[in-house]
Every structure is written in C-alpha cells, then in structure tokens.
Amino acid sequence: MSTLPTSFIDRYQILTGRFEAMLSPWLLGLAARLVFLAVLLPYYLNSACTKFDGLFRISDNAYYQIALPAVDAAGGDVSAISFLPWGAMVLFGSYGELLLPVLIVVGLFTRIAALGMIAFIAVQTLTDIYVHNVDATTIGALFDRFPDSVIADQRLLWLFPLIVLVVKGAGLVSLDHVLSMRWVGRH
C-alpha cells in the first residue's frame, strides 16, 4: 500500500520537474513583463508625460506632483526650489518614471530596472500618504478582507511581477538574453 502513493508522488515530481524545466527559462520573465506592459506601462507613461514640457524639460507640474512641500515653502515659485534634495528628486523621479518601465518591457537591464521601479513605487506610495495626505480608506490595509484599496492592495500586486523580474530576470525572450549571448560569444 505504501508503493502507490510513492509511485504517484514520484510521477508527479517528474512531470512537474519537466514542466518547470521546459517553461521556466522563458515563460516566467516574459509573463511578468507582459503583465507589467498590460497593467503598469500605460499608467506610468501617462503619468510621466504630465511631468515634461517637451522631451527634456521638466515641467512645473512635476514639482507640484513630487515636491509639493518645497513648492509650498517657495510660495509656488518652482524656480526658487533648490536642486538638492527636491530638484534632484523631481529630476530622477520624472526620468525614472519614463525610462524604467520601457527598460522592463523590452527586457534590458531588467533586474536593475525592476529594482528601480520597486524603489519608485515605495517613494510614490510614501509621497501619496505623507505629501498628498490620502485618507485611510484609500490606503487600505493588508489582510482586511477588502481587496480593493488603491494603495495597500493595488501596490502590492504591482510589486509582484517586479519581484519576479528581480529574482528570475527577464527570461530568454529579452534584450538581456541577446546581450548575454553576445557577451558569452566574445569571451
């Protein structure tokens, strides 16, 4: 009687091991990037577009979105805001919001870009809570039986594909893989 469960378990492990070996090198990274493409790329590119006047000029709107306390302290005069720390935060935040999502989607420097997006989401969340003073209902809470809070629940779901990309990489269908193969071919 003990051979049947062991036999079943052995077969199950062999089958799932083969399935994982076949799909793991390309599916997980590609799937995480496709989820990011479908859900977050339009959101972040739309948001980034509100922070630029043209391609390279940061708009005053970026300061209002990212560094509202500094704008208020400067009496609404964005030109009076010092570069460190506020101007640098606006500059790196605006370009990060534009470039990091594109790097993730094409699979270029994916692990670094995903780490950058994780940090970006953390700063975005803290800015929403402490600078824009969102209410507790909007923040929500984890493990509260309500899966629709804009910050706690939603941002946790945003982080998951990024964590997958940090841990597993972009996969075989990516520019990272192409660069890696060229690097190995040269060395």
C-alpha atoms as a PDB file:
ATOM      1  CA  MET A   1       0.000   0.000   0.000  1.00  0.00           C
ATOM      2  CA  SER A   2       2.918   2.377   0.533  1.00  0.00           C
ATOM      3  CA  THR A   3       4.172   1.965  -3.064  1.00  0.00           C
ATOM      4  CA  LEU A   4       1.107   3.559  -4.666  1.00  0.00           C
ATOM      5  CA  PRO A   5       1.445   6.997  -3.033  1.00  0.00           C
ATOM      6  CA  THR A   6       5.205   6.967  -3.502  1.00  0.00           C
ATOM      7  CA  SER A   7       4.782   5.998  -7.142  1.00  0.00           C
ATOM      8  CA  PHE A   8       2.177   8.692  -7.646  1.00  0.00           C
ATOM      9  CA  ILE A   9       4.341  11.282  -5.897  1.00  0.00           C
ATOM     10  CA  ASP A  10       7.394  10.242  -7.924  1.00  0.00           C
ATOM     11  CA  ARG A  11       5.462  10.565 -11.177  1.00  0.00           C
ATOM     12  CA  TYR A  12       4.040  13.898 -10.091  1.00  0.00           C
ATOM     13  CA  GLN A  13       7.505  15.237  -9.226  1.00  0.00           C
ATOM     14  CA  ILE A  14       8.968  14.029 -12.532  1.00  0.00           C
ATOM     15  CA  LEU A  15       6.113  15.577 -14.506  1.00  0.00           C
ATOM     16  CA  THR A  16       6.216  18.918 -12.711  1.00  0.00           C
ATOM     17  CA  GLY A  17      10.028  18.966 -12.879  1.00  0.00           C
ATOM     18  CA  ARG A  18       9.926  18.519 -16.653  1.00  0.00           C
ATOM     19  CA  PHE A  19       7.226  21.152 -16.992  1.00  0.00           C
ATOM     20  CA  GLU A  20       9.236  23.617 -14.918  1.00  0.00           C
ATOM     21  CA  ALA A  21      12.471  22.914 -16.802  1.00  0.00           C
ATOM     22  CA  MET A  22      10.701  23.420 -20.124  1.00  0.00           C
ATOM     23  CA  LEU A  23       8.889  26.670 -19.249  1.00  0.00           C
ATOM     24  CA  SER A  24      10.980  28.328 -16.567  1.00  0.00           C
ATOM     25  CA  PRO A  25      13.764  29.765 -18.750  1.00  0.00           C
ATOM     26  CA  TRP A  26      11.431  31.876 -20.835  1.00  0.00           C
ATOM     27  CA  LEU A  27       7.868  31.939 -19.510  1.00  0.00           C
ATOM     28  CA  LEU A  28       8.122  33.496 -16.048  1.00  0.00           C
ATOM     29  CA  GLY A  29      10.166  36.560 -17.042  1.00  0.00           C
ATOM     30  CA  LEU A  30       8.165  37.088 -20.212  1.00  0.00           C
ATOM     31  CA  ALA A  31       4.856  36.717 -18.358  1.00  0.00           C
ATOM     32  CA  ALA A  32       5.928  39.199 -15.656  1.00  0.00           C
ATOM     33  CA  ARG A  33       6.956  41.718 -18.334  1.00  0.00           C
ATOM     34  CA  LEU A  34       3.673  41.230 -20.221  1.00  0.00           C
ATOM     35  CA  VAL A  35       1.692  41.822 -17.016  1.00  0.00           C
ATOM     36  CA  PHE A  36       3.741  44.967 -16.426  1.00  0.00           C
ATOM     37  CA  LEU A  37       3.143  46.028 -20.045  1.00  0.00           C
ATOM     38  CA  ALA A  38      -0.615  45.498 -19.830  1.00  0.00           C
ATOM     39  CA  VAL A  39      -1.230  46.981 -16.392  1.00  0.00           C
ATOM     40  CA  LEU A  40       1.509  49.442 -15.459  1.00  0.00           C
ATOM     41  CA  LEU A  41       3.235  50.742 -18.601  1.00  0.00           C
ATOM     42  CA  PRO A  42       0.263  52.891 -19.729  1.00  0.00           C
ATOM     43  CA  TYR A  43      -0.168  54.224 -16.190  1.00  0.00           C
ATOM     44  CA  TYR A  44       3.483  55.215 -15.763  1.00  0.00           C
ATOM     45  CA  LEU A  45       3.951  56.629 -19.268  1.00  0.00           C
ATOM     46  CA  ASN A  46       0.777  58.713 -18.871  1.00  0.00           C
ATOM     47  CA  SER A  47       1.994  59.964 -15.522  1.00  0.00           C
ATOM     48  CA  ALA A  48       5.485  60.702 -16.890  1.00  0.00           C
ATOM     49  CA  CYS A  49       4.009  62.733 -19.742  1.00  0.00           C
ATOM     50  CA  THR A  50       2.466  65.112 -17.202  1.00  0.00           C
ATOM     51  CA  LYS A  51       5.945  65.881 -15.857  1.00  0.00           C
ATOM     52  CA  PHE A  52       7.602  67.090 -19.065  1.00  0.00           C
ATOM     53  CA  ASP A  53       7.364  70.154 -21.302  1.00  0.00           C
ATOM     54  CA  GLY A  54       8.810  68.621 -24.437  1.00  0.00           C
ATOM     55  CA  LEU A  55      11.276  65.746 -24.265  1.00  0.00           C
ATOM     56  CA  PHE A  56      13.968  67.042 -21.936  1.00  0.00           C
ATOM     57  CA  ARG A  57      12.439  69.885 -19.917  1.00  0.00           C
ATOM     58  CA  ILE A  58      10.901  69.032 -16.554  1.00  0.00           C
ATOM     59  CA  SER A  59       7.602  70.898 -16.141  1.00  0.00           C
ATOM     60  CA  ASP A  60       6.471  72.858 -13.103  1.00  0.00           C
ATOM     61  CA  ASN A  61       3.734  70.247 -12.775  1.00  0.00           C
ATOM     62  CA  ALA A  62       6.385  67.648 -11.835  1.00  0.00           C
ATOM     63  CA  TYR A  63       7.363  69.763  -8.839  1.00  0.00           C
ATOM     64  CA  TYR A  64       3.734  70.042  -7.757  1.00  0.00           C
ATOM     65  CA  GLN A  65       3.285  66.260  -8.031  1.00  0.00           C
ATOM     66  CA  ILE A  66       6.542  65.171  -6.412  1.00  0.00           C
ATOM     67  CA  ALA A  67       7.794  68.024  -4.214  1.00  0.00           C
ATOM     68  CA  LEU A  68       4.672  69.813  -3.047  1.00  0.00           C
ATOM     69  CA  PRO A  69       6.135  70.791   0.362  1.00  0.00           C
ATOM     70  CA  ALA A  70       9.053  72.521  -1.380  1.00  0.00           C
ATOM     71  CA  VAL A  71       6.705  74.294  -3.798  1.00  0.00           C
ATOM     72  CA  ASP A  72       4.585  75.499  -0.893  1.00  0.00           C
ATOM     73  CA  ALA A  73       7.696  76.669   1.000  1.00  0.00           C
ATOM     74  CA  ALA A  74       8.842  78.577  -2.100  1.00  0.00           C
ATOM     75  CA  GLY A  75       5.470  80.318  -2.359  1.00  0.00           C
ATOM     76  CA  GLY A  76       4.627  78.459  -5.582  1.00  0.00           C
ATOM     77  CA  ASP A  77       7.802  79.654  -7.344  1.00  0.00           C
ATOM     78  CA  VAL A  78       9.331  76.454  -8.719  1.00  0.00           C
ATOM     79  CA  SER A  79      12.488  78.279  -9.822  1.00  0.00           C
ATOM     80  CA  ALA A  80      13.211  79.099  -6.166  1.00  0.00           C
ATOM     81  CA  ILE A  81      13.417  75.416  -5.176  1.00  0.00           C
ATOM     82  CA  SER A  82      16.946  74.162  -4.517  1.00  0.00           C
ATOM     83  CA  PHE A  83      18.304  71.305  -6.589  1.00  0.00           C
ATOM     84  CA  LEU A  84      19.270  69.257  -3.543  1.00  0.00           C
ATOM     85  CA  PRO A  85      17.245  67.422  -2.446  1.00  0.00           C
ATOM     86  CA  TRP A  86      13.988  68.467  -4.142  1.00  0.00           C
ATOM     87  CA  GLY A  87      15.146  69.234  -7.655  1.00  0.00           C
ATOM     88  CA  ALA A  88      17.167  66.019  -7.817  1.00  0.00           C
ATOM     89  CA  MET A  89      14.184  64.023  -6.588  1.00  0.00           C
ATOM     90  CA  VAL A  90      11.974  65.591  -9.256  1.00  0.00           C
ATOM     91  CA  LEU A  91      14.586  65.063 -11.989  1.00  0.00           C
ATOM     92  CA  PHE A  92      15.356  61.426 -11.159  1.00  0.00           C
ATOM     93  CA  GLY A  93      11.721  60.644 -10.384  1.00  0.00           C
ATOM     94  CA  SER A  94      10.477  62.069 -13.666  1.00  0.00           C
ATOM     95  CA  TYR A  95      13.070  60.348 -15.839  1.00  0.00           C
ATOM     96  CA  GLY A  96      12.815  57.163 -13.809  1.00  0.00           C
ATOM     97  CA  GLU A  97       9.078  57.065 -14.361  1.00  0.00           C
ATOM     98  CA  LEU A  98       9.686  57.410 -18.093  1.00  0.00           C
ATOM     99  CA  LEU A  99      12.708  55.140 -18.654  1.00  0.00           C
ATOM    100  CA  LEU A 100      12.440  52.291 -16.126  1.00  0.00           C
ATOM    101  CA  PRO A 101       9.091  50.954 -17.432  1.00  0.00           C
ATOM    102  CA  VAL A 102      10.401  50.942 -21.007  1.00  0.00           C
ATOM    103  CA  LEU A 103      13.536  49.035 -19.933  1.00  0.00           C
ATOM    104  CA  ILE A 104      11.380  46.456 -18.179  1.00  0.00           C
ATOM    105  CA  VAL A 105       9.080  45.901 -21.148  1.00  0.00           C
ATOM    106  CA  VAL A 106      11.919  45.405 -23.645  1.00  0.00           C
ATOM    107  CA  GLY A 107      13.875  43.328 -21.137  1.00  0.00           C
ATOM    108  CA  LEU A 108      17.013  45.477 -20.987  1.00  0.00           C
ATOM    109  CA  PHE A 109      18.875  45.698 -17.667  1.00  0.00           C
ATOM    110  CA  THR A 110      15.690  44.200 -16.317  1.00  0.00           C
ATOM    111  CA  ARG A 111      16.791  43.310 -12.799  1.00  0.00           C
ATOM    112  CA  ILE A 112      18.169  46.807 -12.175  1.00  0.00           C
ATOM    113  CA  ALA A 113      15.123  48.448 -13.777  1.00  0.00           C
ATOM    114  CA  ALA A 114      12.757  46.290 -11.698  1.00  0.00           C
ATOM    115  CA  LEU A 115      14.649  47.229  -8.519  1.00  0.00           C
ATOM    116  CA  GLY A 116      14.384  50.862  -9.570  1.00  0.00           C
ATOM    117  CA  MET A 117      10.634  50.501 -10.094  1.00  0.00           C
ATOM    118  CA  ILE A 118      10.252  48.852  -6.685  1.00  0.00           C
ATOM    119  CA  ALA A 119      12.025  51.837  -5.123  1.00  0.00           C
ATOM    120  CA  PHE A 120       9.926  54.184  -7.268  1.00  0.00           C
ATOM    121  CA  ILE A 121       6.679  52.581  -6.085  1.00  0.00           C
ATOM    122  CA  ALA A 122       7.862  52.832  -2.475  1.00  0.00           C
ATOM    123  CA  VAL A 123       8.611  56.554  -2.868  1.00  0.00           C
ATOM    124  CA  GLN A 124       5.368  57.069  -4.805  1.00  0.00           C
ATOM    125  CA  THR A 125       3.434  55.380  -2.008  1.00  0.00           C
ATOM    126  CA  LEU A 126       5.103  57.435   0.716  1.00  0.00           C
ATOM    127  CA  THR A 127       4.504  60.605  -1.305  1.00  0.00           C
ATOM    128  CA  ASP A 128       0.823  59.741  -1.701  1.00  0.00           C
ATOM    129  CA  ILE A 129       0.442  59.062   2.016  1.00  0.00           C
ATOM    130  CA  TYR A 130       2.548  61.823   3.573  1.00  0.00           C
ATOM    131  CA  VAL A 131       2.626  64.597   0.965  1.00  0.00           C
ATOM    132  CA  HIS A 132      -0.786  64.261  -0.663  1.00  0.00           C
ATOM    133  CA  ASN A 133      -2.407  63.097   2.609  1.00  0.00           C
ATOM    134  CA  VAL A 134      -4.652  60.392   1.170  1.00  0.00           C
ATOM    135  CA  ASP A 135      -7.244  59.128   3.610  1.00  0.00           C
ATOM    136  CA  ALA A 136      -7.114  55.797   5.443  1.00  0.00           C
ATOM    137  CA  THR A 137      -9.804  54.285   3.213  1.00  0.00           C
ATOM    138  CA  THR A 138      -7.671  54.920   0.140  1.00  0.00           C
ATOM    139  CA  ILE A 139      -4.590  53.492   1.835  1.00  0.00           C
ATOM    140  CA  GLY A 140      -6.454  50.396   2.988  1.00  0.00           C
ATOM    141  CA  ALA A 141      -4.789  47.553   4.815  1.00  0.00           C
ATOM    142  CA  LEU A 142      -3.471  44.128   4.007  1.00  0.00           C
ATOM    143  CA  PHE A 143      -5.369  41.086   5.319  1.00  0.00           C
ATOM    144  CA  ASP A 144      -8.537  43.151   5.831  1.00  0.00           C
ATOM    145  CA  ARG A 145     -10.952  41.171   3.592  1.00  0.00           C
ATOM    146  CA  PHE A 146     -11.341  44.159   1.234  1.00  0.00           C
ATOM    147  CA  PRO A 147      -9.126  43.593  -1.841  1.00  0.00           C
ATOM    148  CA  ASP A 148      -9.684  46.969  -3.463  1.00  0.00           C
ATOM    149  CA  SER A 149      -7.666  49.577  -1.603  1.00  0.00           C
ATOM    150  CA  VAL A 150      -5.817  51.823  -4.009  1.00  0.00           C
ATOM    151  CA  ILE A 151      -2.547  51.775  -2.122  1.00  0.00           C
ATOM    152  CA  ALA A 152      -2.012  48.695   0.079  1.00  0.00           C
ATOM    153  CA  ASP A 153      -3.647  46.048  -2.110  1.00  0.00           C
ATOM    154  CA  GLN A 154      -3.034  47.554  -5.520  1.00  0.00           C
ATOM    155  CA  ARG A 155       0.613  48.432  -4.988  1.00  0.00           C
ATOM    156  CA  LEU A 156       1.366  45.007  -3.542  1.00  0.00           C
ATOM    157  CA  LEU A 157       0.026  43.478  -6.750  1.00  0.00           C
ATOM    158  CA  TRP A 158       2.153  45.932  -8.755  1.00  0.00           C
ATOM    159  CA  LEU A 159       5.252  44.802  -6.874  1.00  0.00           C
ATOM    160  CA  PHE A 160       4.796  41.096  -7.513  1.00  0.00           C
ATOM    161  CA  PRO A 161       5.829  40.967 -11.207  1.00  0.00           C
ATOM    162  CA  LEU A 162       8.723  43.300 -10.377  1.00  0.00           C
ATOM    163  CA  ILE A 163       9.926  40.968  -7.630  1.00  0.00           C
ATOM    164  CA  VAL A 164       9.696  38.058 -10.078  1.00  0.00           C
ATOM    165  CA  LEU A 165      11.866  40.025 -12.521  1.00  0.00           C
ATOM    166  CA  VAL A 166      14.451  40.853  -9.864  1.00  0.00           C
ATOM    167  CA  VAL A 167      14.696  37.200  -8.798  1.00  0.00           C
ATOM    168  CA  LYS A 168      14.321  35.379 -12.141  1.00  0.00           C
ATOM    169  CA  GLY A 169      15.355  38.019 -14.686  1.00  0.00           C
ATOM    170  CA  ALA A 170      13.692  38.847 -17.978  1.00  0.00           C
ATOM    171  CA  GLY A 171      13.989  35.346 -19.427  1.00  0.00           C
ATOM    172  CA  LEU A 172      15.078  34.104 -22.822  1.00  0.00           C
ATOM    173  CA  VAL A 173      12.767  36.417 -24.771  1.00  0.00           C
ATOM    174  CA  SER A 174      14.531  39.674 -23.877  1.00  0.00           C
ATOM    175  CA  LEU A 175      17.298  42.051 -24.831  1.00  0.00           C
ATOM    176  CA  ASP A 176      19.119  40.946 -21.670  1.00  0.00           C
ATOM    177  CA  HIS A 177      19.358  37.450 -23.130  1.00  0.00           C
ATOM    178  CA  VAL A 178      20.548  38.753 -26.504  1.00  0.00           C
ATOM    179  CA  LEU A 179      23.260  40.844 -24.832  1.00  0.00           C
ATOM    180  CA  SER A 180      24.238  37.942 -22.628  1.00  0.00           C
ATOM    181  CA  MET A 181      24.668  35.630 -25.621  1.00  0.00           C
ATOM    182  CA  ARG A 182      26.768  38.234 -27.434  1.00  0.00           C
ATOM    183  CA  TRP A 183      28.909  38.738 -24.318  1.00  0.00           C
ATOM    184  CA  VAL A 184      29.469  34.985 -23.895  1.00  0.00           C
ATOM    185  CA  GLY A 185      30.294  34.704 -27.611  1.00  0.00           C
ATOM    186  CA  ARG A 186      33.002  37.323 -27.289  1.00  0.00           C
ATOM    187  CA  HIS A 187      34.565  35.942 -24.148  1.00  0.00           C
END
